[in-house]
Amino acid sequence: MQSQRERITVEAIRNSKRAGRKLVMLTAYDYTFAKLLDESEVDMVLVGDSLGMVVMGQADTTAVTLDAMLHHAQAARRGVTRALLIGDLPYPSLHGSGADLVSDSRLFVERAGCEAVKVEWADGIPEKVEAAVASGIAVMGHVGLTPQTAAAEGGFGMRGKDAASAERIFHQAQALANAGCFAIVLECVPDELAELITSSLSVPTIGIGSGPNCDGQVLVSYDLLGLYERFTPRFVERYARLADSVREAVKRFGADVRQGQFPAEKHTVHLEPAELARLKSRLPA
């Protein structure tokens, strides 16, 4: 892997598996968060369509538009100078034609400055990935629980809990790797299945709710930081509770305003006495 100051490339991510180096990926949807993650030396910043839930307050990710994703990816790009920036292709991009997927992927690269895109598994996706890769676009795959189609598949929850469904996910991961994906996200699959997939692929796997035997891990940053409170997935470790900190800070601000303690003298700028006198002389009596 490259040194900490060098920009991380798709090839560096691919080579991390051979080097035995665990990968770290987190989500960001704006400049400020992206900059903080980048300065914290994550390997990849994902502009996830999870923004539909944690930023836009939607019930799931299916209503997220391409324009919304590009808007947020452009903002994140301004904050990322080192990590690999990846844009999530939204539901409409995956369920159109192969040409549509390639065209939308190119917008993430050319308009938003992403180095790669991520695609969730869907019918016909391997062929569309092949077309995107052939056009020079780096693609990350995603199997297991695929949030864009979760509602149609019985809701959010573990996937691959029986031999038949586990075999299907195994082959989906293989198909995406064979199509040219440089890494595969495994979401909410049993540890044993994740280990089998990871050991079978030459490209790294990135786990989320899939145990410790993947080549790296990803979480939604709002979950990790305790900002999104609608629900907390079982697999999330909250490393902070920033929602509590935000509420406390806002309450303190409100109290200071109501009690006349903010703004204080140190926050205040005054006119010079001579300028104040001139101003008053120019105003109606």
C-alpha atoms as a PDB file:
ATOM      1  CA  MET A   1       0.000   0.000   0.000  1.00  0.00           C
ATOM      2  CA  GLN A   2       1.069   3.556  -0.631  1.00  0.00           C
ATOM      3  CA  SER A   3       2.446   5.831   2.063  1.00  0.00           C
ATOM      4  CA  GLN A   4       0.018   7.906   4.087  1.00  0.00           C
ATOM      5  CA  ARG A   5       0.548  11.062   2.050  1.00  0.00           C
ATOM      6  CA  GLU A   6       0.117   9.513  -1.371  1.00  0.00           C
ATOM      7  CA  ARG A   7      -3.292   9.298  -2.998  1.00  0.00           C
ATOM      8  CA  ILE A   8      -4.782   5.849  -2.786  1.00  0.00           C
ATOM      9  CA  THR A   9      -5.516   4.255  -6.133  1.00  0.00           C
ATOM     10  CA  VAL A  10      -7.772   1.467  -7.314  1.00  0.00           C
ATOM     11  CA  GLU A  11      -4.682  -0.636  -7.910  1.00  0.00           C
ATOM     12  CA  ALA A  12      -3.518  -0.034  -4.344  1.00  0.00           C
ATOM     13  CA  ILE A  13      -6.890  -1.240  -3.052  1.00  0.00           C
ATOM     14  CA  ARG A  14      -6.689  -4.327  -5.238  1.00  0.00           C
ATOM     15  CA  ASN A  15      -3.125  -5.065  -4.097  1.00  0.00           C
ATOM     16  CA  SER A  16      -3.973  -4.696  -0.394  1.00  0.00           C
ATOM     17  CA  LYS A  17      -5.348  -8.237  -0.329  1.00  0.00           C
ATOM     18  CA  ARG A  18      -2.041  -9.715  -1.404  1.00  0.00           C
ATOM     19  CA  ALA A  19      -0.246  -7.550   1.151  1.00  0.00           C
ATOM     20  CA  GLY A  20      -2.579  -8.692   3.925  1.00  0.00           C
ATOM     21  CA  ARG A  21      -3.543  -5.134   4.829  1.00  0.00           C
ATOM     22  CA  LYS A  22      -7.067  -4.566   6.127  1.00  0.00           C
ATOM     23  CA  LEU A  23      -9.025  -1.823   4.366  1.00  0.00           C
ATOM     24  CA  VAL A  24     -11.166   0.882   5.966  1.00  0.00           C
ATOM     25  CA  MET A  25     -14.115   2.522   4.196  1.00  0.00           C
ATOM     26  CA  LEU A  26     -16.674   4.990   5.566  1.00  0.00           C
ATOM     27  CA  THR A  27     -19.477   7.044   4.059  1.00  0.00           C
ATOM     28  CA  ALA A  28     -19.529  10.808   3.597  1.00  0.00           C
ATOM     29  CA  TYR A  29     -22.055  13.058   1.914  1.00  0.00           C
ATOM     30  CA  ASP A  30     -20.537  16.530   2.221  1.00  0.00           C
ATOM     31  CA  TYR A  31     -17.262  18.443   2.267  1.00  0.00           C
ATOM     32  CA  THR A  32     -16.856  18.670   6.037  1.00  0.00           C
ATOM     33  CA  PHE A  33     -17.355  14.993   6.812  1.00  0.00           C
ATOM     34  CA  ALA A  34     -15.339  13.889   3.796  1.00  0.00           C
ATOM     35  CA  LYS A  35     -12.430  16.070   4.873  1.00  0.00           C
ATOM     36  CA  LEU A  36     -12.518  14.698   8.419  1.00  0.00           C
ATOM     37  CA  LEU A  37     -12.547  11.102   7.193  1.00  0.00           C
ATOM     38  CA  ASP A  38      -9.754  11.781   4.731  1.00  0.00           C
ATOM     39  CA  GLU A  39      -7.616  13.362   7.453  1.00  0.00           C
ATOM     40  CA  SER A  40      -8.295  10.292   9.622  1.00  0.00           C
ATOM     41  CA  GLU A  41      -6.563   8.103   7.020  1.00  0.00           C
ATOM     42  CA  VAL A  42      -9.444   5.942   5.832  1.00  0.00           C
ATOM     43  CA  ASP A  43      -8.635   4.124   2.605  1.00  0.00           C
ATOM     44  CA  MET A  44     -11.922   4.777   0.836  1.00  0.00           C
ATOM     45  CA  VAL A  45     -14.698   7.340   1.171  1.00  0.00           C
ATOM     46  CA  LEU A  46     -18.034   6.122  -0.166  1.00  0.00           C
ATOM     47  CA  VAL A  47     -20.661   8.663  -1.159  1.00  0.00           C
ATOM     48  CA  GLY A  48     -23.398   6.169  -0.365  1.00  0.00           C
ATOM     49  CA  ASP A  49     -27.015   6.274  -1.385  1.00  0.00           C
ATOM     50  CA  SER A  50     -27.584   5.739   2.342  1.00  0.00           C
ATOM     51  CA  LEU A  51     -27.825   9.536   2.235  1.00  0.00           C
ATOM     52  CA  GLY A  52     -31.472   8.927   1.341  1.00  0.00           C
ATOM     53  CA  MET A  53     -32.045   7.681   4.866  1.00  0.00           C
ATOM     54  CA  VAL A  54     -29.493   9.427   7.081  1.00  0.00           C
ATOM     55  CA  VAL A  55     -29.463  12.813   5.313  1.00  0.00           C
ATOM     56  CA  MET A  56     -32.809  13.078   3.501  1.00  0.00           C
ATOM     57  CA  GLY A  57     -34.966  11.171   5.993  1.00  0.00           C
ATOM     58  CA  GLN A  58     -36.404   8.736   3.474  1.00  0.00           C
ATOM     59  CA  ALA A  59     -37.555   5.247   4.436  1.00  0.00           C
ATOM     60  CA  ASP A  60     -34.995   3.552   2.198  1.00  0.00           C
ATOM     61  CA  THR A  61     -32.548   4.295  -0.613  1.00  0.00           C
ATOM     62  CA  THR A  62     -34.743   3.659  -3.651  1.00  0.00           C
ATOM     63  CA  ALA A  63     -35.913   7.254  -4.125  1.00  0.00           C
ATOM     64  CA  VAL A  64     -32.383   8.701  -4.284  1.00  0.00           C
ATOM     65  CA  THR A  65     -31.804  10.299  -7.675  1.00  0.00           C
ATOM     66  CA  LEU A  66     -28.701  10.502  -9.820  1.00  0.00           C
ATOM     67  CA  ASP A  67     -28.695  14.295  -9.492  1.00  0.00           C
ATOM     68  CA  ALA A  68     -28.743  14.016  -5.687  1.00  0.00           C
ATOM     69  CA  MET A  69     -25.860  11.552  -5.725  1.00  0.00           C
ATOM     70  CA  LEU A  70     -23.788  13.745  -8.022  1.00  0.00           C
ATOM     71  CA  HIS A  71     -24.499  16.816  -5.884  1.00  0.00           C
ATOM     72  CA  HIS A  72     -23.232  15.109  -2.745  1.00  0.00           C
ATOM     73  CA  ALA A  73     -20.299  13.466  -4.518  1.00  0.00           C
ATOM     74  CA  GLN A  74     -19.125  16.855  -5.781  1.00  0.00           C
ATOM     75  CA  ALA A  75     -19.211  18.190  -2.230  1.00  0.00           C
ATOM     76  CA  ALA A  76     -17.315  15.208  -0.857  1.00  0.00           C
ATOM     77  CA  ARG A  77     -14.712  15.510  -3.597  1.00  0.00           C
ATOM     78  CA  ARG A  78     -13.698  18.927  -2.301  1.00  0.00           C
ATOM     79  CA  GLY A  79     -12.847  17.383   1.060  1.00  0.00           C
ATOM     80  CA  VAL A  80     -10.975  14.287  -0.112  1.00  0.00           C
ATOM     81  CA  THR A  81      -7.358  14.609  -1.182  1.00  0.00           C
ATOM     82  CA  ARG A  82      -5.941  11.198  -0.268  1.00  0.00           C
ATOM     83  CA  ALA A  83      -8.576   8.450  -0.002  1.00  0.00           C
ATOM     84  CA  LEU A  84     -10.211   6.733  -2.960  1.00  0.00           C
ATOM     85  CA  LEU A  85     -13.572   8.434  -3.584  1.00  0.00           C
ATOM     86  CA  ILE A  86     -16.374   6.104  -4.670  1.00  0.00           C
ATOM     87  CA  GLY A  87     -19.877   7.067  -5.768  1.00  0.00           C
ATOM     88  CA  ASP A  88     -22.878   4.804  -5.247  1.00  0.00           C
ATOM     89  CA  LEU A  89     -24.929   4.280  -8.403  1.00  0.00           C
ATOM     90  CA  PRO A  90     -28.592   4.859  -7.443  1.00  0.00           C
ATOM     91  CA  TYR A  91     -31.466   2.517  -8.188  1.00  0.00           C
ATOM     92  CA  PRO A  92     -32.457   3.998 -11.581  1.00  0.00           C
ATOM     93  CA  SER A  93     -28.892   3.736 -12.888  1.00  0.00           C
ATOM     94  CA  LEU A  94     -28.737   0.008 -12.135  1.00  0.00           C
ATOM     95  CA  HIS A  95     -32.100  -0.843 -13.609  1.00  0.00           C
ATOM     96  CA  GLY A  96     -31.775   0.915 -16.935  1.00  0.00           C
ATOM     97  CA  SER A  97     -29.773  -0.254 -19.931  1.00  0.00           C
ATOM     98  CA  GLY A  98     -26.093  -1.069 -19.908  1.00  0.00           C
ATOM     99  CA  ALA A  99     -25.466   2.121 -21.852  1.00  0.00           C
ATOM    100  CA  ASP A 100     -27.318   4.078 -19.155  1.00  0.00           C
ATOM    101  CA  LEU A 101     -25.146   2.578 -16.443  1.00  0.00           C
ATOM    102  CA  VAL A 102     -21.967   3.435 -18.312  1.00  0.00           C
ATOM    103  CA  SER A 103     -23.186   6.969 -18.988  1.00  0.00           C
ATOM    104  CA  ASP A 104     -24.222   7.548 -15.370  1.00  0.00           C
ATOM    105  CA  SER A 105     -20.950   6.094 -14.112  1.00  0.00           C
ATOM    106  CA  ARG A 106     -19.044   8.462 -16.341  1.00  0.00           C
ATOM    107  CA  LEU A 107     -20.878  11.393 -14.732  1.00  0.00           C
ATOM    108  CA  PHE A 108     -19.561  10.329 -11.327  1.00  0.00           C
ATOM    109  CA  VAL A 109     -16.041  10.348 -12.723  1.00  0.00           C
ATOM    110  CA  GLU A 110     -16.138  13.380 -15.002  1.00  0.00           C
ATOM    111  CA  ARG A 111     -18.581  15.665 -13.188  1.00  0.00           C
ATOM    112  CA  ALA A 112     -18.126  14.665  -9.539  1.00  0.00           C
ATOM    113  CA  GLY A 113     -14.472  13.613  -9.608  1.00  0.00           C
ATOM    114  CA  CYS A 114     -14.961  10.110  -8.204  1.00  0.00           C
ATOM    115  CA  GLU A 115     -12.295   7.509  -8.939  1.00  0.00           C
ATOM    116  CA  ALA A 116     -14.805   4.640  -8.914  1.00  0.00           C
ATOM    117  CA  VAL A 117     -18.469   3.730  -8.635  1.00  0.00           C
ATOM    118  CA  LYS A 118     -20.255   1.034  -6.621  1.00  0.00           C
ATOM    119  CA  VAL A 119     -23.042  -1.189  -7.935  1.00  0.00           C
ATOM    120  CA  GLU A 120     -25.432  -3.414  -6.018  1.00  0.00           C
ATOM    121  CA  TRP A 121     -26.280  -6.828  -7.397  1.00  0.00           C
ATOM    122  CA  ALA A 122     -29.258  -6.943  -9.762  1.00  0.00           C
ATOM    123  CA  ASP A 123     -30.236  -9.022 -12.759  1.00  0.00           C
ATOM    124  CA  GLY A 124     -27.912  -8.358 -15.678  1.00  0.00           C
ATOM    125  CA  ILE A 125     -25.426  -6.395 -13.589  1.00  0.00           C
ATOM    126  CA  PRO A 126     -22.296  -8.412 -14.499  1.00  0.00           C
ATOM    127  CA  GLU A 127     -22.690  -7.564 -18.186  1.00  0.00           C
ATOM    128  CA  LYS A 128     -23.214  -3.893 -17.371  1.00  0.00           C
ATOM    129  CA  VAL A 129     -20.131  -3.931 -15.139  1.00  0.00           C
ATOM    130  CA  GLU A 130     -18.106  -5.436 -17.983  1.00  0.00           C
ATOM    131  CA  ALA A 131     -19.189  -2.569 -20.230  1.00  0.00           C
ATOM    132  CA  ALA A 132     -18.289   0.034 -17.617  1.00  0.00           C
ATOM    133  CA  VAL A 133     -14.885  -1.520 -16.934  1.00  0.00           C
ATOM    134  CA  ALA A 134     -14.206  -1.792 -20.672  1.00  0.00           C
ATOM    135  CA  SER A 135     -14.885   1.945 -20.937  1.00  0.00           C
ATOM    136  CA  GLY A 136     -12.234   2.650 -18.290  1.00  0.00           C
ATOM    137  CA  ILE A 137     -14.430   3.039 -15.207  1.00  0.00           C
ATOM    138  CA  ALA A 138     -13.439   1.332 -11.955  1.00  0.00           C
ATOM    139  CA  VAL A 139     -16.340  -0.550 -10.350  1.00  0.00           C
ATOM    140  CA  MET A 140     -16.875  -1.947  -6.853  1.00  0.00           C
ATOM    141  CA  GLY A 141     -19.534  -4.638  -6.462  1.00  0.00           C
ATOM    142  CA  HIS A 142     -22.024  -5.252  -3.643  1.00  0.00           C
ATOM    143  CA  VAL A 143     -23.796  -8.526  -2.758  1.00  0.00           C
ATOM    144  CA  GLY A 144     -25.736  -9.970   0.149  1.00  0.00           C
ATOM    145  CA  LEU A 145     -28.190  -7.488   1.581  1.00  0.00           C
ATOM    146  CA  THR A 146     -28.686  -4.949  -1.189  1.00  0.00           C
ATOM    147  CA  PRO A 147     -30.599  -1.999   0.317  1.00  0.00           C
ATOM    148  CA  GLN A 148     -32.022  -0.832  -3.025  1.00  0.00           C
ATOM    149  CA  THR A 149     -33.980  -4.087  -3.390  1.00  0.00           C
ATOM    150  CA  ALA A 150     -34.356  -4.993   0.285  1.00  0.00           C
ATOM    151  CA  ALA A 151     -38.085  -4.217   0.397  1.00  0.00           C
ATOM    152  CA  ALA A 152     -38.778  -6.634  -2.442  1.00  0.00           C
ATOM    153  CA  GLU A 153     -36.695  -9.309  -0.732  1.00  0.00           C
ATOM    154  CA  GLY A 154     -38.400  -9.297   2.643  1.00  0.00           C
ATOM    155  CA  GLY A 155     -36.855  -6.232   4.213  1.00  0.00           C
ATOM    156  CA  PHE A 156     -33.540  -5.551   5.891  1.00  0.00           C
ATOM    157  CA  GLY A 157     -31.862  -8.516   7.530  1.00  0.00           C
ATOM    158  CA  MET A 158     -29.291 -11.243   7.089  1.00  0.00           C
ATOM    159  CA  ARG A 159     -28.916 -12.928   3.717  1.00  0.00           C
ATOM    160  CA  GLY A 160     -27.458 -16.324   2.865  1.00  0.00           C
ATOM    161  CA  LYS A 161     -28.629 -18.104   6.002  1.00  0.00           C
ATOM    162  CA  ASP A 162     -29.340 -21.371   4.169  1.00  0.00           C
ATOM    163  CA  ALA A 163     -27.165 -23.324   1.746  1.00  0.00           C
ATOM    164  CA  ALA A 164     -29.155 -22.421  -1.369  1.00  0.00           C
ATOM    165  CA  SER A 165     -29.189 -18.656  -0.809  1.00  0.00           C
ATOM    166  CA  ALA A 166     -25.581 -18.703   0.379  1.00  0.00           C
ATOM    167  CA  GLU A 167     -24.536 -20.474  -2.820  1.00  0.00           C
ATOM    168  CA  ARG A 168     -26.385 -17.865  -4.868  1.00  0.00           C
ATOM    169  CA  ILE A 169     -24.554 -15.012  -3.127  1.00  0.00           C
ATOM    170  CA  PHE A 170     -21.242 -16.841  -3.544  1.00  0.00           C
ATOM    171  CA  HIS A 171     -21.760 -17.036  -7.290  1.00  0.00           C
ATOM    172  CA  GLN A 172     -22.931 -13.420  -7.485  1.00  0.00           C
ATOM    173  CA  ALA A 173     -19.663 -12.290  -5.890  1.00  0.00           C
ATOM    174  CA  GLN A 174     -17.734 -14.487  -8.313  1.00  0.00           C
ATOM    175  CA  ALA A 175     -19.635 -13.052 -11.267  1.00  0.00           C
ATOM    176  CA  LEU A 176     -18.928  -9.474 -10.247  1.00  0.00           C
ATOM    177  CA  ALA A 177     -15.241 -10.191  -9.716  1.00  0.00           C
ATOM    178  CA  ASN A 178     -15.055 -11.933 -13.100  1.00  0.00           C
ATOM    179  CA  ALA A 179     -16.781  -8.933 -14.682  1.00  0.00           C
ATOM    180  CA  GLY A 180     -13.912  -6.733 -13.495  1.00  0.00           C
ATOM    181  CA  CYS A 181     -14.910  -5.341 -10.092  1.00  0.00           C
ATOM    182  CA  PHE A 182     -11.823  -4.326  -8.116  1.00  0.00           C
ATOM    183  CA  ALA A 183     -13.487  -5.088  -4.750  1.00  0.00           C
ATOM    184  CA  ILE A 184     -16.745  -6.572  -3.460  1.00  0.00           C
ATOM    185  CA  VAL A 185     -18.870  -5.370  -0.538  1.00  0.00           C
ATOM    186  CA  LEU A 186     -20.433  -8.233   1.445  1.00  0.00           C
ATOM    187  CA  GLU A 187     -23.387  -6.928   3.449  1.00  0.00           C
ATOM    188  CA  CYS A 188     -25.142  -8.919   6.161  1.00  0.00           C
ATOM    189  CA  VAL A 189     -24.041 -12.426   5.281  1.00  0.00           C
ATOM    190  CA  PRO A 190     -22.905 -15.073   7.796  1.00  0.00           C
ATOM    191  CA  ASP A 191     -19.250 -15.066   8.728  1.00  0.00           C
ATOM    192  CA  GLU A 192     -18.647 -18.500   7.219  1.00  0.00           C
ATOM    193  CA  LEU A 193     -20.034 -17.430   3.857  1.00  0.00           C
ATOM    194  CA  ALA A 194     -17.999 -14.218   3.921  1.00  0.00           C
ATOM    195  CA  GLU A 195     -14.871 -16.240   4.648  1.00  0.00           C
ATOM    196  CA  LEU A 196     -15.584 -18.639   1.771  1.00  0.00           C
ATOM    197  CA  ILE A 197     -16.142 -15.759  -0.657  1.00  0.00           C
ATOM    198  CA  THR A 198     -13.095 -13.864   0.586  1.00  0.00           C
ATOM    199  CA  SER A 199     -10.788 -16.855   0.215  1.00  0.00           C
ATOM    200  CA  SER A 200     -12.114 -17.593  -3.275  1.00  0.00           C
ATOM    201  CA  LEU A 201     -11.593 -14.129  -4.747  1.00  0.00           C
ATOM    202  CA  SER A 202      -8.401 -12.447  -5.883  1.00  0.00           C
ATOM    203  CA  VAL A 203      -9.946  -9.022  -5.203  1.00  0.00           C
ATOM    204  CA  PRO A 204     -10.615  -7.729  -1.668  1.00  0.00           C
ATOM    205  CA  THR A 205     -13.926  -8.050   0.113  1.00  0.00           C
ATOM    206  CA  ILE A 206     -15.300  -5.235   2.269  1.00  0.00           C
ATOM    207  CA  GLY A 207     -17.618  -6.426   4.999  1.00  0.00           C
ATOM    208  CA  ILE A 208     -20.551  -4.756   6.672  1.00  0.00           C
ATOM    209  CA  GLY A 209     -22.325  -6.984   9.141  1.00  0.00           C
ATOM    210  CA  SER A 210     -20.481  -9.975   7.678  1.00  0.00           C
ATOM    211  CA  GLY A 211     -17.959 -10.865  10.353  1.00  0.00           C
ATOM    212  CA  PRO A 212     -14.214 -10.315  10.725  1.00  0.00           C
ATOM    213  CA  ASN A 213     -12.917 -12.481   7.892  1.00  0.00           C
ATOM    214  CA  CYS A 214     -13.338  -9.952   5.083  1.00  0.00           C
ATOM    215  CA  ASP A 215     -10.391  -7.984   3.712  1.00  0.00           C
ATOM    216  CA  GLY A 216     -11.790  -4.733   5.075  1.00  0.00           C
ATOM    217  CA  GLN A 217     -14.794  -3.128   6.743  1.00  0.00           C
ATOM    218  CA  VAL A 218     -17.256  -0.340   5.951  1.00  0.00           C
ATOM    219  CA  LEU A 219     -19.854   1.407   8.074  1.00  0.00           C
ATOM    220  CA  VAL A 220     -22.211   4.308   7.557  1.00  0.00           C
ATOM    221  CA  SER A 221     -20.410   7.130   9.341  1.00  0.00           C
ATOM    222  CA  TYR A 222     -23.633   8.430  10.903  1.00  0.00           C
ATOM    223  CA  ASP A 223     -24.064   5.014  12.568  1.00  0.00           C
ATOM    224  CA  LEU A 224     -20.458   4.805  13.764  1.00  0.00           C
ATOM    225  CA  LEU A 225     -20.687   8.315  15.246  1.00  0.00           C
ATOM    226  CA  GLY A 226     -24.121   7.891  16.827  1.00  0.00           C
ATOM    227  CA  LEU A 227     -25.816  10.564  14.729  1.00  0.00           C
ATOM    228  CA  TYR A 228     -28.556   8.485  13.087  1.00  0.00           C
ATOM    229  CA  GLU A 229     -30.968   7.264  15.746  1.00  0.00           C
ATOM    230  CA  ARG A 230     -33.960   5.912  13.841  1.00  0.00           C
ATOM    231  CA  PHE A 231     -32.474   2.460  14.272  1.00  0.00           C
ATOM    232  CA  THR A 232     -29.049   0.957  14.900  1.00  0.00           C
ATOM    233  CA  PRO A 233     -28.139  -2.219  13.004  1.00  0.00           C
ATOM    234  CA  ARG A 234     -26.908  -5.065  15.173  1.00  0.00           C
ATOM    235  CA  PHE A 235     -23.506  -5.047  13.478  1.00  0.00           C
ATOM    236  CA  VAL A 236     -22.762  -1.385  14.236  1.00  0.00           C
ATOM    237  CA  GLU A 237     -20.322  -0.352  16.934  1.00  0.00           C
ATOM    238  CA  ARG A 238     -20.993   3.207  18.066  1.00  0.00           C
ATOM    239  CA  TYR A 239     -17.625   4.818  18.643  1.00  0.00           C
ATOM    240  CA  ALA A 240     -19.260   8.094  19.686  1.00  0.00           C
ATOM    241  CA  ARG A 241     -22.687   9.470  20.537  1.00  0.00           C
ATOM    242  CA  LEU A 242     -22.564  12.752  18.690  1.00  0.00           C
ATOM    243  CA  ALA A 243     -26.347  13.154  18.625  1.00  0.00           C
ATOM    244  CA  ASP A 244     -26.228  13.654  22.393  1.00  0.00           C
ATOM    245  CA  SER A 245     -23.343  16.100  22.016  1.00  0.00           C
ATOM    246  CA  VAL A 246     -25.221  18.084  19.367  1.00  0.00           C
ATOM    247  CA  ARG A 247     -28.365  18.347  21.476  1.00  0.00           C
ATOM    248  CA  GLU A 248     -26.367  19.436  24.517  1.00  0.00           C
ATOM    249  CA  ALA A 249     -24.469  22.075  22.535  1.00  0.00           C
ATOM    250  CA  VAL A 250     -27.660  23.472  21.007  1.00  0.00           C
ATOM    251  CA  LYS A 251     -29.376  23.610  24.405  1.00  0.00           C
ATOM    252  CA  ARG A 252     -26.411  25.487  25.865  1.00  0.00           C
ATOM    253  CA  PHE A 253     -26.509  27.934  22.955  1.00  0.00           C
ATOM    254  CA  GLY A 254     -30.231  28.464  23.409  1.00  0.00           C
ATOM    255  CA  ALA A 255     -29.828  29.056  27.126  1.00  0.00           C
ATOM    256  CA  ASP A 256     -27.044  31.589  26.568  1.00  0.00           C
ATOM    257  CA  VAL A 257     -29.120  33.481  24.001  1.00  0.00           C
ATOM    258  CA  ARG A 258     -32.199  33.586  26.218  1.00  0.00           C
ATOM    259  CA  GLN A 259     -30.170  34.729  29.225  1.00  0.00           C
ATOM    260  CA  GLY A 260     -28.362  37.433  27.271  1.00  0.00           C
ATOM    261  CA  GLN A 261     -24.981  35.756  27.656  1.00  0.00           C
ATOM    262  CA  PHE A 262     -24.399  35.272  23.927  1.00  0.00           C
ATOM    263  CA  PRO A 263     -23.042  37.077  22.081  1.00  0.00           C
ATOM    264  CA  ALA A 264     -20.615  38.330  24.718  1.00  0.00           C
ATOM    265  CA  GLU A 265     -18.183  41.212  24.383  1.00  0.00           C
ATOM    266  CA  LYS A 266     -15.532  38.937  22.862  1.00  0.00           C
ATOM    267  CA  HIS A 267     -17.914  38.127  20.001  1.00  0.00           C
ATOM    268  CA  THR A 268     -18.802  41.749  19.303  1.00  0.00           C
ATOM    269  CA  VAL A 269     -17.292  44.337  16.926  1.00  0.00           C
ATOM    270  CA  HIS A 270     -17.702  48.085  17.632  1.00  0.00           C
ATOM    271  CA  LEU A 271     -17.483  51.163  15.453  1.00  0.00           C
ATOM    272  CA  GLU A 272     -14.688  53.564  16.291  1.00  0.00           C
ATOM    273  CA  PRO A 273     -16.149  56.485  18.315  1.00  0.00           C
ATOM    274  CA  ALA A 274     -15.339  58.995  15.555  1.00  0.00           C
ATOM    275  CA  GLU A 275     -17.041  56.827  12.925  1.00  0.00           C
ATOM    276  CA  LEU A 276     -20.037  56.348  15.164  1.00  0.00           C
ATOM    277  CA  ALA A 277     -20.321  60.114  15.587  1.00  0.00           C
ATOM    278  CA  ARG A 278     -20.130  60.619  11.796  1.00  0.00           C
ATOM    279  CA  LEU A 279     -22.789  57.970  11.259  1.00  0.00           C
ATOM    280  CA  LYS A 280     -25.147  59.553  13.743  1.00  0.00           C
ATOM    281  CA  SER A 281     -24.622  62.974  12.114  1.00  0.00           C
ATOM    282  CA  ARG A 282     -25.793  61.541   8.786  1.00  0.00           C
ATOM    283  CA  LEU A 283     -28.919  59.930  10.145  1.00  0.00           C
ATOM    284  CA  PRO A 284     -32.283  61.630  10.591  1.00  0.00           C
ATOM    285  CA  ALA A 285     -32.699  63.255  13.997  1.00  0.00           C
END
